[in-house]
Amino acid sequence: MNICVFLSAADLDDRYTVPAREFAELLGRGGHTLVWGGSESGLMKVVADGVQAAGGRLVGVSVDFLAAKARTNADEMVIARDLAERKALLLDKADAVVIMVGGTGTLDEATEILELKKHGKHTKPVVLLNTAGFYDGLRQQFQRMEDEGFLPLPLTELVFFAKDGLGALAYLEETAGLQ
């Protein structure tokens, strides 16, 4: 399965890097392909290293202004013109999406992917990997959106919240056959 992972390119502490490394190892050992932003820094590097070391493939989609930070030994690397094209390519190359911890760029990617799914532009499973409760506040906000009528479909059909990588991958493997 080609799994797009949106995540930070920042260097983070062990409460985020250790679970990210464990998830990457699960992806690689499972024979999955990581589709990611292609960066050779921060958490993006941690996950790419883990997937590659465990035998998985790497498909990167960088963007022209970040091309100097792109991983040089990915199995495939595409350089997009801008962030909009990058997001479209990442989604196009993926069978499923996992959103890990990140900043405004990751949040932008997450909301766009969920907006597209809400409007039926894709039906790929989307998982928010809620490492160390990072997305507890976002989950609460989404629940409020659903409760107050802002979502045209149930939150459970839009996104799955996983507390760890094992739960995320189990959900993806279970739902992938339903796509």
Protein backbone atom coordinates (compact mmCIF):
# COMPACT_ATOMS: atom_id res chain seq x y z
CA MET A 1 0.00 0.00 0.00
CA ASN A 2 1.23 3.52 -0.78
CA ILE A 3 0.77 5.50 2.42
CA CYS A 4 1.08 9.27 2.31
CA VAL A 5 2.36 10.64 5.59
CA PHE A 6 2.09 14.34 6.37
CA LEU A 7 4.44 15.37 9.18
CA SER A 8 6.92 17.90 10.44
CA ALA A 9 10.37 18.56 9.04
CA ALA A 10 11.40 19.94 12.45
CA ASP A 11 13.78 18.22 14.82
CA LEU A 12 11.63 17.04 17.72
CA ASP A 13 12.18 15.29 21.03
CA ASP A 14 11.82 11.59 21.81
CA ARG A 15 8.12 11.70 22.67
CA TYR A 16 7.53 12.26 18.93
CA THR A 17 10.58 10.66 17.28
CA VAL A 18 10.37 7.28 19.04
CA PRO A 19 6.72 6.61 18.00
CA ALA A 20 7.49 7.93 14.50
CA ARG A 21 10.41 5.53 14.17
CA GLU A 22 8.23 2.64 15.38
CA PHE A 23 5.51 3.51 12.85
CA ALA A 24 8.11 3.77 10.07
CA GLU A 25 9.44 0.34 10.95
CA LEU A 26 5.91 -1.11 10.76
CA LEU A 27 5.44 0.44 7.31
CA GLY A 28 8.73 -0.87 5.98
CA ARG A 29 8.36 -4.36 7.43
CA GLY A 30 4.83 -4.51 6.03
CA GLY A 31 6.17 -3.86 2.52
CA HIS A 32 4.45 -0.50 2.26
CA THR A 33 5.66 2.54 0.37
CA LEU A 34 6.08 5.85 2.16
CA VAL A 35 4.78 8.77 0.12
CA TRP A 36 5.98 11.92 1.87
CA GLY A 37 7.23 15.47 1.44
CA GLY A 38 10.69 14.20 0.55
CA SER A 39 12.63 16.17 3.14
CA GLU A 40 15.91 14.97 4.57
CA SER A 41 15.36 16.79 7.84
CA GLY A 42 13.52 16.48 11.12
CA LEU A 43 10.72 14.01 11.65
CA MET A 44 10.43 13.51 7.87
CA LYS A 45 13.97 12.13 7.86
CA VAL A 46 13.30 9.93 10.92
CA VAL A 47 10.33 8.29 9.20
CA ALA A 48 12.04 7.94 5.81
CA ASP A 49 15.12 6.39 7.45
CA GLY A 50 12.94 3.93 9.37
CA VAL A 51 10.88 2.87 6.37
CA GLN A 52 13.94 2.44 4.19
CA ALA A 53 15.90 0.53 6.85
CA ALA A 54 12.96 -1.87 7.28
CA GLY A 55 12.74 -2.60 3.56
CA GLY A 56 10.02 -0.19 2.43
CA ARG A 57 10.07 2.09 -0.60
CA LEU A 58 10.28 5.89 -0.54
CA VAL A 59 8.36 8.16 -2.90
CA GLY A 60 9.05 11.80 -2.19
CA VAL A 61 7.29 14.88 -3.46
CA SER A 62 9.26 18.00 -2.65
CA VAL A 63 8.64 21.53 -3.83
CA ASP A 64 11.01 23.74 -5.82
CA PHE A 65 11.90 26.09 -2.96
CA LEU A 66 12.76 23.11 -0.71
CA ALA A 67 14.45 20.95 -3.36
CA ALA A 68 17.88 21.45 -1.75
CA LYS A 69 16.57 19.60 1.34
CA ALA A 70 15.17 16.66 -0.66
CA ARG A 71 16.39 13.15 0.09
CA THR A 72 18.84 12.02 -2.55
CA ASN A 73 18.40 8.24 -2.20
CA ALA A 74 14.61 7.98 -2.40
CA ASP A 75 13.25 5.39 -4.81
CA GLU A 76 11.39 8.20 -6.55
CA MET A 77 11.52 11.97 -6.07
CA VAL A 78 9.27 14.48 -7.77
CA ILE A 79 9.76 18.25 -7.47
CA ALA A 80 6.48 20.17 -7.60
CA ARG A 81 6.19 23.81 -8.68
CA ASP A 82 4.32 24.92 -5.57
CA LEU A 83 2.64 23.64 -2.42
CA ALA A 84 -0.75 23.17 -4.11
CA GLU A 85 0.75 20.91 -6.78
CA ARG A 86 2.73 19.08 -4.08
CA LYS A 87 -0.41 18.26 -2.07
CA ALA A 88 -2.23 17.09 -5.20
CA LEU A 89 0.68 14.82 -6.19
CA LEU A 90 1.01 13.38 -2.69
CA LEU A 91 -2.68 12.49 -2.60
CA ASP A 92 -2.60 11.13 -6.16
CA LYS A 93 0.29 8.77 -5.37
CA ALA A 94 -1.30 7.47 -2.15
CA ASP A 95 -3.79 4.74 -1.29
CA ALA A 96 -4.22 6.14 2.22
CA VAL A 97 -3.16 9.14 4.32
CA VAL A 98 -1.66 9.37 7.80
CA ILE A 99 -1.27 12.74 9.47
CA MET A 100 1.43 12.80 12.11
CA VAL A 101 2.53 15.65 14.37
CA GLY A 102 3.45 18.89 12.66
CA GLY A 103 3.05 22.62 12.41
CA THR A 104 1.06 24.89 10.13
CA GLY A 105 2.13 23.09 6.96
CA THR A 106 0.92 19.76 8.30
CA LEU A 107 -2.31 21.33 9.50
CA ASP A 108 -2.83 22.87 6.05
CA GLU A 109 -2.29 19.49 4.42
CA ALA A 110 -4.63 17.78 6.88
CA THR A 111 -7.48 20.22 6.42
CA GLU A 112 -7.19 20.17 2.64
CA ILE A 113 -7.22 16.36 2.52
CA LEU A 114 -10.24 16.26 4.83
CA GLU A 115 -12.05 18.98 2.85
CA LEU A 116 -11.51 17.03 -0.37
CA LYS A 117 -12.80 13.87 1.29
CA LYS A 118 -15.82 15.73 2.71
CA HIS A 119 -16.74 16.78 -0.84
CA GLY A 120 -16.23 13.30 -2.28
CA LYS A 121 -13.09 14.17 -4.25
CA HIS A 122 -11.39 11.12 -2.77
CA THR A 123 -12.42 8.17 -0.61
CA LYS A 124 -9.01 7.22 0.75
CA PRO A 125 -8.80 6.39 4.44
CA VAL A 126 -7.36 9.23 6.53
CA VAL A 127 -5.79 8.69 9.95
CA LEU A 128 -4.74 11.31 12.45
CA LEU A 129 -1.94 9.68 14.44
CA ASN A 130 -2.51 11.27 17.83
CA THR A 131 0.96 10.78 19.31
CA ALA A 132 1.20 11.97 22.93
CA GLY A 133 -2.30 13.48 22.61
CA PHE A 134 -1.01 16.02 20.07
CA TYR A 135 -4.35 16.20 18.24
CA ASP A 136 -6.69 16.06 21.26
CA GLY A 137 -7.71 19.70 20.74
CA LEU A 138 -8.30 19.20 17.02
CA ARG A 139 -10.38 16.11 17.74
CA GLN A 140 -12.49 18.14 20.16
CA GLN A 141 -12.95 20.87 17.53
CA PHE A 142 -13.95 18.33 14.87
CA GLN A 143 -16.45 16.79 17.30
CA ARG A 144 -17.94 20.23 17.87
CA MET A 145 -18.17 20.78 14.11
CA GLU A 146 -20.05 17.51 13.77
CA ASP A 147 -22.31 18.16 16.78
CA GLU A 148 -23.26 21.62 15.52
CA GLY A 149 -23.95 20.55 11.94
CA PHE A 150 -20.85 21.80 10.13
CA LEU A 151 -19.91 18.39 8.71
CA PRO A 152 -22.12 16.80 6.03
CA LEU A 153 -21.02 13.31 7.06
CA PRO A 154 -20.14 11.67 10.36
CA LEU A 155 -16.67 12.41 11.72
CA THR A 156 -15.97 8.67 11.81
CA GLU A 157 -16.38 8.55 8.01
CA LEU A 158 -14.03 11.51 7.55
CA VAL A 159 -11.07 10.58 9.75
CA PHE A 160 -9.88 7.92 12.16
CA PHE A 161 -7.95 8.96 15.27
CA ALA A 162 -5.26 6.45 16.20
CA LYS A 163 -3.30 6.62 19.44
CA ASP A 164 -0.33 4.72 18.01
CA GLY A 165 1.22 3.50 14.78
CA LEU A 166 -0.01 -0.05 15.24
CA GLY A 167 -3.61 1.17 15.48
CA ALA A 168 -3.13 3.44 12.47
CA LEU A 169 -1.73 0.69 10.29
CA ALA A 170 -4.34 -1.85 11.41
CA TYR A 171 -7.10 0.61 10.46
CA LEU A 172 -5.52 1.28 7.06
CA GLU A 173 -5.04 -2.38 6.26
CA GLU A 174 -8.63 -3.10 7.30
CA THR A 175 -10.15 -0.27 5.24
CA ALA A 176 -7.83 -0.42 2.21
CA GLY A 177 -9.72 -3.35 0.75
CA LEU A 178 -12.95 -1.37 1.03
CA GLN A 179 -11.79 1.40 -1.29
